[in-house]
Protein backbone atom coordinates (compact mmCIF):
# COMPACT_ATOMS: atom_id res chain seq x y z
CA MET A 1 -48.54 119.88 -57.34
CA ALA A 2 -48.11 122.31 -60.40
CA LEU A 3 -47.17 124.96 -57.97
CA PHE A 4 -44.67 122.73 -56.31
CA ASN A 5 -42.85 122.16 -59.55
CA LYS A 6 -43.02 125.81 -60.59
CA LEU A 7 -41.41 127.00 -57.37
CA LEU A 8 -38.64 124.23 -57.17
CA ALA A 9 -37.89 124.27 -60.85
CA PRO A 10 -35.00 126.76 -60.35
CA PHE A 11 -33.56 124.94 -57.66
CA ARG A 12 -33.97 121.36 -58.92
CA ARG A 13 -30.74 119.36 -59.69
CA LYS A 14 -31.21 118.01 -63.36
CA GLU A 15 -29.67 114.86 -62.13
CA PRO A 16 -30.73 114.28 -58.61
CA VAL A 17 -28.56 111.00 -58.20
CA SER A 18 -25.91 110.72 -60.68
CA ASP A 19 -24.40 107.33 -59.52
CA VAL A 20 -27.45 105.46 -59.65
CA ALA A 21 -29.81 107.22 -62.34
CA SER A 22 -28.50 105.94 -65.53
CA ALA A 23 -30.59 104.13 -68.27
CA SER A 24 -28.94 100.82 -68.04
CA PHE A 25 -28.86 100.63 -64.16
CA LEU A 26 -32.26 101.89 -63.51
CA PRO A 27 -34.81 99.22 -64.22
CA GLU A 28 -38.62 99.75 -64.62
CA PRO A 29 -41.03 99.67 -61.89
CA VAL A 30 -41.49 96.52 -60.24
CA SER A 31 -44.73 95.08 -60.92
CA SER A 32 -46.21 91.71 -60.06
CA GLY A 33 -44.50 88.73 -62.00
CA SER A 34 -41.20 90.85 -63.08
CA ALA A 35 -38.96 88.86 -60.96
CA THR A 36 -39.24 86.04 -63.24
CA ALA A 37 -40.02 87.93 -66.63
CA GLY A 38 -38.03 86.55 -69.67
CA VAL A 39 -36.30 83.67 -68.00
CA SER A 40 -36.14 80.41 -69.98
CA PRO A 41 -38.03 77.41 -69.16
CA GLN A 42 -36.24 75.36 -66.25
CA PRO A 43 -35.58 71.81 -65.92
CA PRO A 44 -38.34 69.91 -64.34
CA ALA A 45 -35.99 68.43 -61.63
CA LEU A 46 -34.83 71.84 -60.51
CA PRO A 47 -36.55 73.92 -58.17
CA ALA A 48 -37.90 77.23 -59.82
CA ILE A 49 -37.96 80.75 -58.63
CA PRO A 50 -41.70 81.32 -57.60
CA THR A 51 -43.31 84.61 -59.24
CA PRO A 52 -43.92 87.11 -56.53
CA VAL A 53 -47.43 87.28 -55.30
CA ALA A 54 -49.27 90.18 -56.50
CA GLU A 55 -49.65 92.95 -53.41
CA GLU A 56 -50.23 96.55 -53.36
CA ILE A 57 -47.48 98.58 -54.37
CA PRO A 58 -47.48 102.34 -53.04
CA ALA A 59 -48.08 104.88 -55.77
CA TRP A 60 -45.09 106.74 -54.75
CA LEU A 61 -42.92 103.58 -55.26
CA GLU A 62 -44.27 103.15 -58.97
CA ASP A 63 -43.89 107.13 -59.47
CA GLU A 64 -40.23 108.85 -59.16
CA ASP A 65 -41.98 112.04 -59.19
CA LEU A 66 -44.32 111.11 -56.51
CA LEU A 67 -41.21 110.00 -54.59
CA ARG A 68 -39.60 113.18 -55.04
CA ASP A 69 -42.73 115.21 -53.93
CA GLU A 70 -42.78 113.00 -50.82
CA GLY A 71 -38.95 113.92 -50.10
CA VAL A 72 -39.55 117.61 -50.76
CA ILE A 73 -42.76 117.60 -48.41
CA PHE A 74 -40.81 115.69 -45.72
CA GLY A 75 -37.96 118.39 -46.09
CA LEU A 76 -40.42 121.33 -45.83
CA SER A 77 -42.41 119.83 -43.01
CA ASP A 78 -39.34 119.09 -40.78
CA ALA A 79 -40.51 115.40 -40.67
CA LYS A 80 -38.01 112.83 -40.09
CA PRO A 81 -36.76 110.86 -43.08
CA GLU A 82 -36.12 107.63 -41.60
CA GLU A 83 -39.82 106.52 -41.32
CA LYS A 84 -40.16 106.72 -45.05
CA ILE A 85 -36.70 105.11 -45.80
CA ALA A 86 -37.58 102.30 -43.48
CA ALA A 87 -40.82 101.78 -45.35
CA ILE A 88 -38.77 101.67 -48.36
CA ARG A 89 -36.42 98.99 -47.18
CA THR A 90 -39.55 96.89 -45.46
CA TYR A 91 -41.31 96.61 -48.77
CA PHE A 92 -38.09 95.43 -50.63
CA VAL A 93 -37.49 92.95 -47.75
CA HIS A 94 -40.53 91.46 -48.54
CA ARG A 95 -39.99 91.70 -52.27
CA CYS A 96 -36.47 89.72 -51.95
CA ALA A 97 -37.57 87.37 -49.28
CA ASP A 98 -38.55 84.56 -52.17
CA LEU A 99 -35.38 85.30 -54.21
CA GLU A 100 -33.27 85.09 -50.89
CA ARG A 101 -34.99 81.53 -49.90
CA ASP A 102 -34.15 80.40 -53.37
CA ILE A 103 -30.67 81.50 -53.26
CA ASP A 104 -30.14 79.65 -49.99
CA ARG A 105 -31.74 76.51 -51.32
CA PHE A 106 -29.70 76.74 -54.32
CA ASN A 107 -26.65 76.91 -52.25
CA GLU A 108 -27.74 74.16 -50.07
CA LYS A 109 -28.25 71.85 -53.12
CA ILE A 110 -24.92 72.66 -54.61
CA GLY A 111 -23.34 72.03 -51.39
CA GLU A 112 -24.76 68.63 -51.20
CA ILE A 113 -23.91 67.82 -54.60
CA ASN A 114 -20.37 68.89 -53.87
CA LEU A 115 -20.00 66.75 -51.01
CA PHE A 116 -21.52 63.82 -52.87
CA ILE A 117 -19.18 64.31 -55.62
CA GLU A 118 -16.09 64.62 -52.95
CA GLN A 119 -17.27 61.49 -51.28
CA LYS A 120 -17.28 59.38 -54.62
CA GLU A 121 -13.95 60.86 -55.68
CA ASN A 122 -12.46 59.73 -52.32
CA ARG A 123 -13.88 56.24 -52.97
CA ILE A 124 -12.50 56.35 -56.30
CA GLY A 125 -9.07 57.09 -54.93
CA GLU A 126 -9.12 54.53 -52.57
CA LEU A 127 -10.11 51.83 -54.99
CA ASP A 128 -7.32 53.05 -57.17
CA HIS A 129 -4.75 52.90 -54.45
CA ARG A 130 -5.77 49.21 -53.73
CA ARG A 131 -5.74 48.36 -57.43
CA HIS A 132 -2.08 49.71 -57.73
CA GLU A 133 -1.32 48.16 -54.25
CA LEU A 134 -2.64 44.86 -55.46
CA ALA A 135 -0.96 44.79 -58.72
CA GLY A 136 2.39 45.76 -57.16
CA GLN A 137 2.22 42.34 -54.89
CA GLN A 138 4.62 39.82 -56.29
CA PRO A 139 4.44 36.13 -55.96
CA GLY A 140 6.31 34.62 -53.10
CA GLU A 141 9.48 32.46 -54.16
CA HIS A 142 9.24 28.76 -53.67
CA HIS A 143 10.97 25.65 -55.16
CA LEU A 144 8.37 23.18 -55.21
CA PRO A 145 9.64 20.97 -57.91
CA ARG A 146 12.89 20.85 -56.40
CA THR A 147 11.64 20.00 -53.00
CA LEU A 148 9.34 17.10 -54.34
CA ILE A 149 12.58 15.65 -56.03
CA GLY A 150 14.37 16.14 -52.91
CA LEU A 151 11.68 14.08 -51.10
CA GLY A 152 11.72 11.34 -53.22
CA LEU A 153 15.39 11.01 -53.27
CA SER A 154 15.47 11.01 -49.67
CA THR A 155 12.76 8.53 -49.28
CA VAL A 156 14.65 6.22 -51.53
CA MET A 157 17.81 6.60 -49.75
CA CYS A 158 16.00 5.85 -46.17
CA VAL A 159 14.66 2.59 -47.89
CA GLY A 160 17.94 1.57 -49.17
CA ASN A 161 19.67 2.16 -45.80
CA PHE A 162 16.81 0.05 -44.19
CA PHE A 163 17.74 -2.85 -46.16
CA LEU A 164 21.34 -2.38 -45.90
CA ILE A 165 20.76 -2.26 -41.91
CA ASP A 166 18.27 -5.25 -42.07
CA GLU A 167 20.79 -7.60 -44.27
CA THR A 168 23.46 -6.80 -41.99
CA LEU A 169 21.69 -7.67 -38.55
CA ARG A 170 19.82 -10.63 -40.02
CA PRO A 171 22.16 -13.32 -38.81
CA ALA A 172 22.05 -12.16 -35.27
CA PHE A 173 18.41 -11.33 -35.14
CA GLU A 174 16.92 -13.52 -37.70
CA GLN A 175 14.05 -14.46 -35.67
CA SER A 176 12.87 -10.71 -35.08
CA ARG A 177 13.15 -8.07 -38.02
CA LEU A 178 11.63 -5.74 -35.87
CA ILE A 179 15.04 -5.00 -34.28
CA SER A 180 16.19 -4.05 -37.57
CA VAL A 181 13.18 -1.58 -38.02
CA GLY A 182 13.93 0.02 -34.23
CA VAL A 183 17.68 0.43 -35.01
CA PHE A 184 16.66 2.09 -38.59
CA LEU A 185 14.04 4.36 -37.02
CA ALA A 186 16.29 5.23 -34.10
CA GLY A 187 19.31 6.53 -36.22
CA MET A 188 16.95 8.05 -38.98
CA PHE A 189 14.36 10.12 -37.11
CA ASN A 190 15.56 11.12 -33.70
CA LEU A 191 15.48 14.68 -34.59
CA PHE A 192 12.27 16.55 -33.13
CA SER A 193 13.24 20.12 -34.09
CA ARG A 194 11.71 21.14 -37.75
CA THR A 195 14.95 21.42 -39.35
CA SER A 196 18.61 20.28 -38.49
CA PHE A 197 21.29 22.68 -37.92
CA PHE A 198 23.22 21.16 -40.68
CA HIS A 199 20.69 22.72 -43.08
CA GLU A 200 20.38 26.15 -41.17
CA SER A 201 22.85 28.89 -42.06
CA GLY A 202 24.04 30.42 -39.09
CA SER A 203 22.34 28.24 -36.82
CA PRO A 204 24.57 27.61 -33.32
CA ALA A 205 25.82 24.23 -32.70
CA THR A 206 25.53 24.00 -29.05
CA ARG A 207 26.69 20.90 -27.11
CA ARG A 208 23.16 19.99 -26.31
CA ARG A 209 22.06 20.34 -29.90
CA LEU A 210 25.01 18.49 -31.14
CA LEU A 211 24.30 15.49 -28.98
CA GLU A 212 20.63 15.37 -29.79
CA GLU A 213 21.45 15.11 -33.50
CA VAL A 214 24.47 13.17 -33.58
CA GLY A 215 24.59 11.06 -30.55
CA LEU A 216 21.63 8.45 -31.30
CA PRO A 217 22.59 8.28 -34.85
CA LEU A 218 26.27 7.56 -33.86
CA ALA A 219 24.89 4.73 -31.21
CA ALA A 220 23.04 3.19 -34.03
CA ALA A 221 25.95 3.00 -36.40
CA LEU A 222 27.96 1.52 -33.89
CA PHE A 223 25.50 -0.93 -32.96
CA VAL A 224 25.47 -1.95 -36.78
CA PHE A 225 29.07 -1.88 -36.89
CA ALA A 226 29.53 -4.37 -33.73
CA GLN A 227 27.31 -6.88 -35.64
CA ALA A 228 28.93 -6.46 -38.87
CA VAL A 229 32.63 -6.68 -37.60
CA GLN A 230 31.93 -10.20 -36.33
CA ARG A 231 31.11 -11.65 -39.86
CA GLN A 232 32.77 -9.29 -42.25
CA PRO A 233 36.19 -8.14 -42.71
CA PHE A 234 37.35 -4.99 -40.24
CA LEU A 235 37.75 -2.41 -43.17
CA GLN A 236 34.37 -3.31 -44.58
CA ALA A 237 32.77 -3.18 -41.26
CA VAL A 238 34.56 0.23 -40.49
CA ALA A 239 33.37 1.59 -44.00
CA LEU A 240 29.89 0.21 -43.19
CA LEU A 241 30.23 2.16 -40.01
CA LEU A 242 30.83 5.40 -41.82
CA PHE A 243 28.20 4.86 -44.62
CA VAL A 244 25.42 3.98 -42.10
CA PHE A 245 26.40 7.13 -39.80
CA PHE A 246 26.30 9.65 -42.69
CA LEU A 247 23.13 8.36 -43.97
CA PHE A 248 21.61 8.46 -40.57
CA LEU A 249 22.76 12.05 -40.33
CA LEU A 250 21.80 13.29 -43.71
CA SER A 251 19.13 11.11 -45.18
CA GLY A 252 16.97 11.30 -41.98
CA LYS A 253 17.61 14.88 -41.21
CA LEU A 254 16.89 15.85 -45.02
CA LEU A 255 13.76 13.82 -45.03
CA LEU A 256 12.47 15.65 -42.26
CA GLY A 257 13.71 18.94 -43.18
CA THR A 258 12.29 18.43 -46.83
CA LEU A 259 8.94 17.85 -45.32
CA THR A 260 8.88 21.09 -43.74
CA ILE A 261 10.29 22.85 -46.58
CA LEU A 262 7.42 21.24 -48.46
CA ARG A 263 4.90 22.62 -46.37
CA ASN A 264 6.13 25.91 -46.88
CA ASP A 265 6.49 25.85 -50.53
CA LEU A 266 2.87 24.25 -50.70
CA ARG A 267 1.64 27.27 -48.68
CA THR A 268 3.67 29.62 -50.74
CA SER A 269 2.19 27.93 -53.96
CA PHE A 270 -1.21 28.23 -52.59
CA ARG A 271 -0.94 32.01 -51.86
CA ASN A 272 0.64 32.77 -55.25
CA LYS A 273 -2.49 31.20 -56.67
CA GLN A 274 -4.90 33.04 -54.57
CA LEU A 275 -3.08 36.22 -55.33
CA LYS A 276 -3.40 35.60 -59.12
CA ILE A 277 -7.02 34.98 -58.56
CA GLU A 278 -7.49 37.92 -56.69
CA GLN A 279 -5.66 40.22 -58.87
CA GLN A 280 -8.02 39.21 -61.67
CA THR A 281 -11.39 39.23 -59.99
CA ARG A 282 -10.69 42.17 -57.44
CA SER A 283 -9.24 44.39 -60.26
CA ALA A 284 -12.26 43.85 -62.37
CA GLN A 285 -14.68 44.43 -59.66
CA TRP A 286 -12.78 47.55 -58.57
CA ASP A 287 -12.41 48.70 -62.50
CA THR A 288 -16.35 48.27 -62.61
CA GLU A 289 -17.08 50.19 -59.47
CA ILE A 290 -14.73 53.02 -60.43
CA ASP A 291 -16.56 53.52 -63.95
CA THR A 292 -19.79 53.40 -62.09
CA LEU A 293 -18.70 56.05 -59.74
CA ARG A 294 -17.49 58.13 -62.49
CA LYS A 295 -20.54 58.14 -64.23
CA GLU A 296 -22.31 59.16 -61.08
CA ILE A 297 -19.87 62.03 -60.74
CA ASP A 298 -20.62 63.05 -64.15
CA GLU A 299 -24.37 62.98 -63.38
CA LEU A 300 -23.89 65.07 -60.14
CA ARG A 301 -22.05 67.58 -62.23
CA VAL A 302 -24.75 68.01 -64.70
CA GLN A 303 -27.34 68.41 -62.06
CA LYS A 304 -25.00 71.20 -60.44
CA TRP A 305 -24.53 72.92 -63.99
CA GLN A 306 -28.40 72.85 -64.27
CA ILE A 307 -28.55 74.57 -60.72
CA ILE A 308 -26.16 77.07 -61.17
CA PRO A 309 -27.73 79.23 -64.03
CA GLU A 310 -30.80 79.27 -61.58
CA LEU A 311 -28.61 80.64 -59.01
CA ASN A 312 -26.81 83.30 -61.02
CA ARG A 313 -30.44 84.25 -62.14
CA ALA A 314 -31.78 84.52 -58.43
CA GLU A 315 -28.56 86.64 -57.45
CA ALA A 316 -28.88 88.87 -60.59
CA GLU A 317 -32.48 89.40 -59.42
CA LEU A 318 -31.63 89.99 -56.16
CA SER A 319 -28.89 92.48 -56.95
CA ARG A 320 -31.43 94.30 -59.22
CA MET A 321 -33.81 94.72 -56.71
CA ASN A 322 -31.25 95.95 -54.04
CA ALA A 323 -29.89 98.54 -56.44
CA LYS A 324 -33.37 99.80 -57.15
CA ARG A 325 -33.91 99.82 -53.43
CA ASP A 326 -30.83 101.82 -52.87
CA MET A 327 -31.72 104.53 -55.99
CA LEU A 328 -35.17 105.17 -54.56
CA ILE A 329 -33.76 105.86 -51.09
CA LYS A 330 -30.97 108.04 -52.47
CA LEU A 331 -33.76 109.56 -54.64
CA PHE A 332 -35.73 110.46 -51.61
CA GLU A 333 -32.93 111.65 -49.71
CA SER A 334 -31.70 114.00 -52.43
CA GLU A 335 -34.99 115.49 -52.62
CA TYR A 336 -35.33 115.67 -48.90
CA ASN A 337 -31.96 117.31 -48.45
CA LEU A 338 -32.75 119.69 -51.38
CA ALA A 339 -36.01 120.65 -49.58
CA ARG A 340 -34.25 121.22 -46.21
CA THR A 341 -31.65 123.71 -48.09
CA LEU A 342 -34.41 125.52 -50.02
CA LYS A 343 -36.63 125.98 -46.90
CA THR A 344 -35.13 129.00 -45.90
CA GLN A 345 -35.13 130.75 -48.96
CA LEU A 346 -39.00 130.01 -49.34
CA THR A 347 -41.77 131.99 -47.71
CA GLU A 348 -44.23 130.86 -45.32
CA ARG A 349 -46.92 131.15 -47.74
CA GLN A 350 -44.99 129.22 -50.54
CA ARG A 351 -44.20 126.37 -48.10
CA GLN A 352 -48.07 126.40 -47.18
CA ALA A 353 -48.88 126.50 -50.59
CA ILE A 354 -46.43 123.46 -51.61
CA LEU A 355 -48.01 121.30 -48.52
CA ARG A 356 -51.35 122.12 -49.42
CA GLY A 357 -50.75 121.07 -53.14
CA ARG A 358 -49.89 117.62 -51.95
């Protein structure tokens, strides 16, 4: 192509493609294995970018002067440039296919790691919320010692009330002490509800409830009074009537009500013990699980940090290949357009000489 260079020397641009021909941007011609040259060893657990398989590279892609000649010849021969540009693009598509697959694989792996990290962080947040919620639970309030003391005192009062009734009814019913037991039980334990309205604040005192709680104790006290007034002074019998009646109302109802309160206090005390045990055991288990999850997150982040440099290297190599492709296309188009422009200034003999020199 000596004749070609002499003919076009006056018209050739000094810098055909000014935006891509700088030394720092234009790489050396791509040869087999150049995609992975100079890369540091990769961790064994990470997928590595494979070295491109050696393939036959067109001569005009290795030599920029030959590519310029191709552009000039296409411009002088009225050939369409799209075929040559498509060939350049097709070549680089094959060269970049492995890089694109590696980039997709790296991005997919990073996405999976991010998903695992997010799941473990959500689990940590859930466990941390449960731990704080459990630690914030306060023990229920109960008065178990006071309830036990009240139960003991009411039991003593009931026993004393029985002996008082038995002593009063003995002269009349000496042959059968079961009558004393029946009168005592009738006056003391006629309450079928859980608690008495005497011990409930805000409880409505209806006629039915008043008769249910007061009627039978009053009848039993009057029966005892009727037996006492025959053998004791009237004033003493009246005092006995009032004393027994209020013992029936208070000690009996107190005993039954205290049993219900005792059940509630025992249940509350048991729940408090369970809560204390749960706070100790569950908190320790959750803390251990949280520490394990955080270690796993750190390991996943290390894997992610090992993949990111490989991804950046693959993306940089892909960008370099694309930049070279664009540079070659622009170089070819520049020479093609230059030849089309100078076509009218060359004689037929000069054009034929250039084409034959190809």
